[in-house]
Protein backbone atom coordinates (compact mmCIF):
# COMPACT_ATOMS: atom_id res chain seq x y z
CA MET A 1 -139.55 150.94 -120.23
CA ALA A 2 -138.66 147.98 -122.46
CA THR A 3 -139.47 144.56 -121.07
CA ASN A 4 -139.56 141.06 -122.48
CA LEU A 5 -142.31 139.00 -120.88
CA ASP A 6 -142.36 136.40 -123.67
CA VAL A 7 -139.24 134.54 -122.55
CA ASP A 8 -139.96 130.89 -121.81
CA LEU A 9 -138.22 130.38 -118.45
CA SER A 10 -138.31 126.60 -118.84
CA LYS A 11 -135.90 126.86 -121.78
CA LEU A 12 -133.31 129.00 -120.04
CA PRO A 13 -130.17 127.34 -118.65
CA ASP A 14 -129.54 127.37 -114.90
CA VAL A 15 -127.07 130.18 -114.22
CA SER A 16 -127.17 130.13 -110.45
CA ASP A 17 -124.26 129.41 -108.13
CA ILE A 18 -121.58 131.02 -110.27
CA SER A 19 -117.85 131.14 -109.60
CA PRO A 20 -114.86 132.67 -111.43
CA ASP A 21 -114.51 129.33 -113.22
CA THR A 22 -118.14 129.10 -114.37
CA ILE A 23 -119.40 132.67 -114.89
CA THR A 24 -118.22 133.01 -118.50
CA HIS A 25 -119.87 129.75 -119.52
CA HIS A 26 -123.11 130.71 -117.77
CA VAL A 27 -123.34 134.16 -119.37
CA ASN A 28 -122.66 132.78 -122.85
CA ALA A 29 -125.16 129.98 -122.26
CA ILE A 30 -128.03 132.29 -121.39
CA ASN A 31 -127.11 134.64 -124.25
CA SER A 32 -127.19 131.69 -126.66
CA MET A 33 -130.97 132.09 -126.95
CA CYS A 34 -130.31 135.08 -129.24
CA LYS A 35 -131.94 134.49 -132.64
CA ASN A 36 -129.51 136.68 -134.59
CA PRO A 37 -126.42 134.53 -135.39
CA ARG A 38 -124.07 137.47 -135.90
CA GLN A 39 -125.20 139.21 -132.71
CA LYS A 40 -124.86 135.96 -130.78
CA PHE A 41 -121.32 135.45 -132.11
CA ILE A 42 -120.26 139.02 -131.31
CA PHE A 43 -121.57 138.88 -127.75
CA GLU A 44 -120.06 135.45 -127.13
CA ARG A 45 -116.64 136.81 -128.07
CA LEU A 46 -117.20 140.08 -126.20
CA VAL A 47 -118.17 138.35 -122.97
CA THR A 48 -115.33 135.82 -123.26
CA HIS A 49 -112.63 138.47 -123.85
CA LEU A 50 -114.07 140.85 -121.27
CA HIS A 51 -114.09 138.16 -118.62
CA GLN A 52 -110.56 137.12 -119.57
CA PHE A 53 -109.41 140.73 -119.18
CA VAL A 54 -110.94 141.00 -115.71
CA SER A 55 -109.39 137.70 -114.64
CA GLU A 56 -105.94 138.36 -116.14
CA THR A 57 -105.67 141.82 -114.58
CA ASN A 58 -107.30 140.82 -111.29
CA ILE A 59 -109.40 144.00 -111.37
CA THR A 60 -110.29 145.37 -107.93
CA THR A 61 -113.73 146.69 -107.04
CA GLU A 62 -112.30 150.22 -106.84
CA GLU A 63 -110.74 149.92 -110.31
CA TRP A 64 -114.01 148.55 -111.71
CA MET A 65 -115.91 151.53 -110.28
CA THR A 66 -113.30 153.95 -111.68
CA GLY A 67 -113.88 152.42 -115.11
CA ILE A 68 -117.67 152.72 -114.73
CA GLN A 69 -117.35 156.37 -113.71
CA PHE A 70 -115.01 157.06 -116.63
CA LEU A 71 -117.43 155.58 -119.19
CA THR A 72 -120.29 157.50 -117.56
CA SER A 73 -118.31 160.72 -117.94
CA VAL A 74 -117.58 159.90 -121.58
CA GLY A 75 -121.31 159.55 -122.24
CA GLN A 76 -122.16 162.74 -120.36
CA THR A 77 -119.62 164.68 -122.46
CA CYS A 78 -121.34 163.71 -125.73
CA THR A 79 -123.52 166.33 -127.41
CA SER A 80 -125.17 166.74 -130.81
CA ILE A 81 -121.84 168.08 -132.18
CA ARG A 82 -119.32 166.21 -130.01
CA GLN A 83 -118.96 162.41 -129.85
CA GLU A 84 -116.63 161.56 -126.98
CA PHE A 85 -117.19 157.82 -127.44
CA ILE A 86 -115.89 158.00 -131.02
CA LEU A 87 -112.93 159.97 -129.68
CA LEU A 88 -112.31 157.20 -127.14
CA SER A 89 -112.49 154.63 -129.94
CA ASP A 90 -110.04 156.74 -131.92
CA VAL A 91 -107.36 157.08 -129.23
CA LEU A 92 -107.56 153.37 -128.37
CA GLY A 93 -106.93 152.48 -132.02
CA VAL A 94 -110.30 150.78 -132.42
CA SER A 95 -111.52 153.16 -135.14
CA ALA A 96 -108.35 152.60 -137.17
CA LEU A 97 -108.60 148.83 -136.72
CA VAL A 98 -112.24 148.68 -137.83
CA ASP A 99 -111.41 150.85 -140.83
CA SER A 100 -108.43 148.67 -141.84
CA ILE A 101 -110.41 145.44 -141.53
CA ASN A 102 -113.36 146.71 -143.54
CA HIS A 103 -111.29 148.39 -146.26
CA PRO A 104 -108.45 146.00 -147.14
CA ARG A 105 -105.82 147.23 -149.56
CA VAL A 106 -105.93 145.61 -153.00
CA SER A 107 -103.26 145.63 -155.75
CA GLY A 108 -101.48 148.76 -154.61
CA SER A 109 -104.69 150.72 -154.14
CA THR A 110 -104.71 153.86 -152.03
CA GLU A 111 -105.00 153.03 -148.35
CA ASN A 112 -107.97 154.14 -146.29
CA THR A 113 -107.70 155.98 -143.03
CA VAL A 114 -110.10 157.32 -140.40
CA LEU A 115 -112.85 159.73 -141.49
CA GLY A 116 -112.56 161.97 -138.45
CA PRO A 117 -115.36 164.04 -136.91
CA PHE A 118 -115.18 167.13 -139.14
CA PHE A 119 -116.75 165.93 -142.41
CA THR A 120 -119.91 167.82 -143.38
CA GLU A 121 -122.45 167.42 -146.18
CA ASP A 122 -122.57 171.09 -147.16
CA ALA A 123 -119.30 171.50 -149.09
CA LYS A 124 -119.67 173.70 -152.16
CA ASP A 125 -119.07 172.40 -155.68
CA ILE A 126 -115.93 173.88 -157.20
CA PRO A 127 -114.69 173.77 -160.81
CA HIS A 128 -111.52 172.04 -161.95
CA GLY A 129 -108.67 174.07 -160.45
CA GLY A 130 -111.02 175.97 -158.12
CA SER A 131 -110.34 176.88 -154.51
CA ILE A 132 -111.73 175.19 -151.41
CA ALA A 133 -110.45 177.95 -149.11
CA SER A 134 -111.25 181.64 -148.87
CA GLU A 135 -108.42 184.16 -149.00
CA GLY A 136 -106.31 184.53 -145.88
CA LYS A 137 -106.84 181.01 -144.52
CA GLY A 138 -103.23 179.93 -144.85
CA GLU A 139 -100.26 179.27 -147.08
CA TYR A 140 -101.26 178.52 -150.67
CA LEU A 141 -101.33 174.88 -151.80
CA PHE A 142 -102.12 173.51 -155.27
CA VAL A 143 -103.12 169.84 -155.50
CA GLU A 144 -103.55 167.83 -158.69
CA GLY A 145 -103.38 164.28 -159.95
CA ARG A 146 -105.52 161.45 -161.32
CA VAL A 147 -108.08 158.97 -159.99
CA LEU A 148 -107.40 155.49 -161.38
CA ASP A 149 -108.59 151.90 -161.01
CA THR A 150 -106.26 149.06 -160.00
CA HIS A 151 -105.40 148.47 -163.67
CA GLY A 152 -104.19 152.04 -164.10
CA GLN A 153 -107.24 153.16 -166.09
CA PRO A 154 -108.71 156.61 -165.37
CA ILE A 155 -112.04 156.94 -163.58
CA PRO A 156 -113.99 159.88 -165.04
CA ASN A 157 -116.64 161.88 -163.17
CA ALA A 158 -115.62 160.49 -159.76
CA ARG A 159 -116.84 162.73 -156.96
CA MET A 160 -114.12 164.06 -154.69
CA GLU A 161 -114.69 165.71 -151.32
CA THR A 162 -111.80 167.40 -149.55
CA TRP A 163 -111.60 169.25 -146.24
CA GLU A 164 -108.87 170.55 -143.97
CA THR A 165 -107.91 172.97 -141.20
CA ASP A 166 -106.95 176.57 -141.73
CA ASP A 167 -103.57 177.87 -140.58
CA THR A 168 -104.76 178.13 -136.96
CA GLY A 169 -105.43 174.38 -136.81
CA LYS A 170 -109.20 174.75 -136.78
CA TYR A 171 -111.90 173.37 -139.07
CA ASP A 172 -114.66 175.73 -140.17
CA THR A 173 -117.17 173.88 -137.96
CA GLN A 174 -115.16 174.86 -134.89
CA TYR A 175 -115.97 178.55 -135.38
CA SER A 176 -119.15 179.71 -133.64
CA ASP A 177 -119.78 182.33 -136.33
CA ARG A 178 -119.51 179.89 -139.26
CA ALA A 179 -121.75 181.28 -142.00
CA GLU A 180 -120.78 178.94 -144.84
CA PRO A 181 -118.37 176.05 -145.51
CA ASP A 182 -114.72 176.97 -145.84
CA CYS A 183 -111.52 174.95 -146.35
CA ARG A 184 -113.68 172.24 -147.88
CA GLY A 185 -115.05 171.57 -151.33
CA ARG A 186 -116.51 169.06 -153.79
CA LEU A 187 -115.34 168.46 -157.37
CA ARG A 188 -115.48 165.91 -160.20
CA THR A 189 -112.68 164.21 -162.08
CA GLN A 190 -112.36 164.94 -165.79
CA GLU A 191 -112.68 162.39 -168.59
CA ASP A 192 -109.02 161.43 -168.21
CA GLY A 193 -109.43 161.00 -164.44
CA ARG A 194 -107.60 164.22 -163.66
CA TYR A 195 -108.48 166.55 -160.81
CA SER A 196 -107.01 169.76 -159.44
CA PHE A 197 -107.89 172.28 -156.74
CA ARG A 198 -106.44 175.10 -154.69
CA ALA A 199 -106.22 174.76 -150.92
CA VAL A 200 -104.04 175.87 -148.03
CA VAL A 201 -101.25 173.97 -146.32
CA PRO A 202 -102.86 172.13 -143.37
CA VAL A 203 -101.31 172.31 -139.93
CA ALA A 204 -101.21 169.99 -136.91
CA TYR A 205 -103.96 170.42 -134.33
CA PRO A 206 -105.09 168.96 -131.00
CA ILE A 207 -108.11 166.71 -130.65
CA PRO A 208 -110.41 167.80 -127.78
CA GLY A 209 -108.44 167.58 -124.56
CA ASP A 210 -110.94 169.13 -122.15
CA GLY A 211 -112.93 165.95 -121.49
CA PRO A 212 -112.40 162.48 -120.04
CA VAL A 213 -110.56 161.21 -123.13
CA GLY A 214 -108.11 164.08 -122.90
CA GLU A 215 -107.56 163.31 -119.22
CA LEU A 216 -106.99 159.64 -120.11
CA LEU A 217 -104.31 160.55 -122.65
CA SER A 218 -102.59 162.69 -120.02
CA THR A 219 -102.50 159.84 -117.50
CA LEU A 220 -101.10 157.54 -120.21
CA GLY A 221 -98.29 160.00 -120.96
CA ARG A 222 -99.60 160.73 -124.47
CA HIS A 223 -100.20 163.98 -126.35
CA ASN A 224 -103.51 164.81 -128.04
CA TYR A 225 -102.20 166.09 -131.38
CA ARG A 226 -102.88 164.99 -134.92
CA PRO A 227 -100.28 165.70 -137.64
CA ALA A 228 -101.23 168.04 -140.47
CA HIS A 229 -103.37 166.34 -143.11
CA LEU A 230 -105.68 166.91 -146.05
CA HIS A 231 -108.84 164.79 -146.01
CA ILE A 232 -109.99 163.17 -149.26
CA MET A 233 -113.15 161.15 -150.00
CA ILE A 234 -113.72 159.74 -153.49
CA GLU A 235 -116.90 158.06 -154.75
CA ALA A 236 -117.59 156.48 -158.13
CA PRO A 237 -120.23 153.96 -159.29
CA GLY A 238 -118.93 150.40 -159.09
CA TYR A 239 -116.08 151.29 -156.74
CA GLU A 240 -115.51 151.16 -153.01
CA THR A 241 -115.71 154.64 -151.50
CA LEU A 242 -112.21 155.78 -150.59
CA ILE A 243 -111.83 157.72 -147.35
CA THR A 244 -108.25 158.76 -146.90
CA ALA A 245 -105.91 161.65 -146.05
CA LEU A 246 -102.54 162.95 -147.19
CA TYR A 247 -99.93 163.81 -144.57
CA PRO A 248 -97.16 166.30 -145.46
CA GLU A 249 -93.77 164.92 -144.49
CA GLU A 250 -91.63 166.33 -141.68
CA ASP A 251 -94.58 166.99 -139.36
CA LYS A 252 -93.31 166.22 -135.85
CA TYR A 253 -96.48 164.30 -134.96
CA LEU A 254 -96.40 161.86 -137.91
CA SER A 255 -95.04 158.97 -135.83
CA SER A 256 -97.31 159.55 -132.82
CA ASP A 257 -100.71 160.52 -134.24
CA ALA A 258 -103.20 160.52 -131.35
CA VAL A 259 -105.76 158.55 -133.40
CA PHE A 260 -103.39 156.21 -135.32
CA GLY A 261 -104.45 157.52 -138.74
CA VAL A 262 -101.04 157.86 -140.41
CA LYS A 263 -99.90 155.27 -142.93
CA LYS A 264 -96.53 155.58 -144.60
CA SER A 265 -98.04 155.30 -148.09
CA LEU A 266 -100.06 158.45 -147.34
CA ILE A 267 -97.09 160.64 -146.37
CA VAL A 268 -96.39 163.14 -149.16
CA LYS A 269 -93.81 165.77 -150.08
CA LEU A 270 -94.90 169.33 -150.81
CA ALA A 271 -92.79 171.13 -153.37
CA GLU A 272 -92.25 174.88 -153.09
CA VAL A 273 -92.83 177.10 -156.10
CA HIS A 274 -91.65 180.72 -155.97
CA SER A 275 -92.67 181.96 -159.41
CA ASP A 276 -95.41 184.62 -159.40
CA ASP A 277 -96.25 183.71 -162.99
CA GLU A 278 -96.82 180.06 -162.08
CA ALA A 279 -98.83 181.11 -159.05
CA ARG A 280 -101.13 183.29 -161.15
CA ALA A 281 -101.45 180.49 -163.73
CA LYS A 282 -102.73 178.24 -160.95
CA GLY A 283 -105.22 180.86 -159.78
CA PHE A 284 -103.34 182.38 -156.85
CA SER A 285 -102.80 186.13 -156.52
CA LYS A 286 -99.03 185.71 -156.21
CA GLY A 287 -96.29 183.29 -155.16
CA PRO A 288 -94.89 181.46 -153.44
CA PHE A 289 -97.10 178.38 -153.09
CA LYS A 290 -96.75 174.72 -152.22
CA TYR A 291 -97.44 172.08 -154.86
CA LEU A 292 -98.60 168.48 -154.49
CA ARG A 293 -99.20 165.94 -157.22
CA HIS A 294 -100.83 162.70 -156.11
CA ASP A 295 -102.77 159.91 -157.82
CA PHE A 296 -105.48 157.91 -156.07
CA THR A 297 -106.30 154.29 -156.92
CA LEU A 298 -109.81 153.00 -156.21
CA VAL A 299 -110.84 149.39 -155.62
CA SER A 300 -113.86 147.97 -157.43
CA ASN A 301 -116.73 146.64 -155.32
CA GLY A 302 -115.96 143.13 -156.52
CA GLU A 303 -112.28 143.38 -155.56
CA ALA A 304 -113.17 144.76 -152.13
CA ASN A 305 -115.72 142.04 -151.42
CA GLN A 306 -113.26 139.37 -152.49
CA ALA A 307 -110.57 140.77 -150.16
CA ARG A 308 -112.99 140.87 -147.22
CA ASP A 309 -114.17 137.31 -147.90
CA GLN A 310 -110.56 136.14 -148.03
CA ARG A 311 -109.87 137.69 -144.63
CA ARG A 312 -112.95 136.08 -143.11
CA ASN A 313 -111.86 132.69 -144.41
CA GLU A 314 -108.32 133.14 -143.15
CA THR A 315 -109.43 134.20 -139.67
CA HIS A 316 -112.44 131.83 -139.49
CA ILE A 317 -114.78 134.68 -138.64
CA ASN A 318 -118.55 134.21 -139.02
């Protein structure tokens, strides 16, 4: 059991005899002994806002206990392959907010969005134009485009990771008999920044609804669905890693994504191609197939750091 017997009691502020008017000051005062400036700042703001929330809502003892029991249940639901706390962060918009703050958009660059819980490190390398999905996983989709910098110059040899659901709305990791990665792959851009790969048309799917977060969404009158999307991660030396997703238009959940991941700049149109000859030229056995052309624009490390510094200065954040 961790203990701290080295605290000099003579240096601690008197925090006795608290009241609703003094408790926030007392807690922040005793926490001010923290030697880490960033940690001290974060906890000062956390305590202040948390106390303000309790006071503004006039929380009852029963409501406080309900909240404690809910958070306990969230923790108990977590396993080595399921993170209910991240799911809670997602549905409350915290994950999307943290992502937006830490990855500001620069000069028309491609917007980031949430990583999601289904990324894995074992995607297979595929050649230019290769397939990330085995046969029978869904409607054919061909994706191609370029990876550019903010000046419109191509970025060669950038590493792209892509992953998606099959036509049942499940990721490969959700199958108990998963033998190898499927509906995911890794490729490199060519010298002119171009990329291409075969995939399947993703479909909408529900986030886990059998736990406390699912019950919370139900009580809030919300659904637990995510719109169809194709995950993309792009890495290149000297550039900020881009974690994003493309959302086919006309999905009925686009405007009410359960985890707030959709951004209008990431909504795309899939064209339909009926020609068998074109399908075979792209590597499919036959038509029809859906076609998507999309360019991605990466931000240099210097541009990203400058944008983050500017936000800190504007918001006066330590």
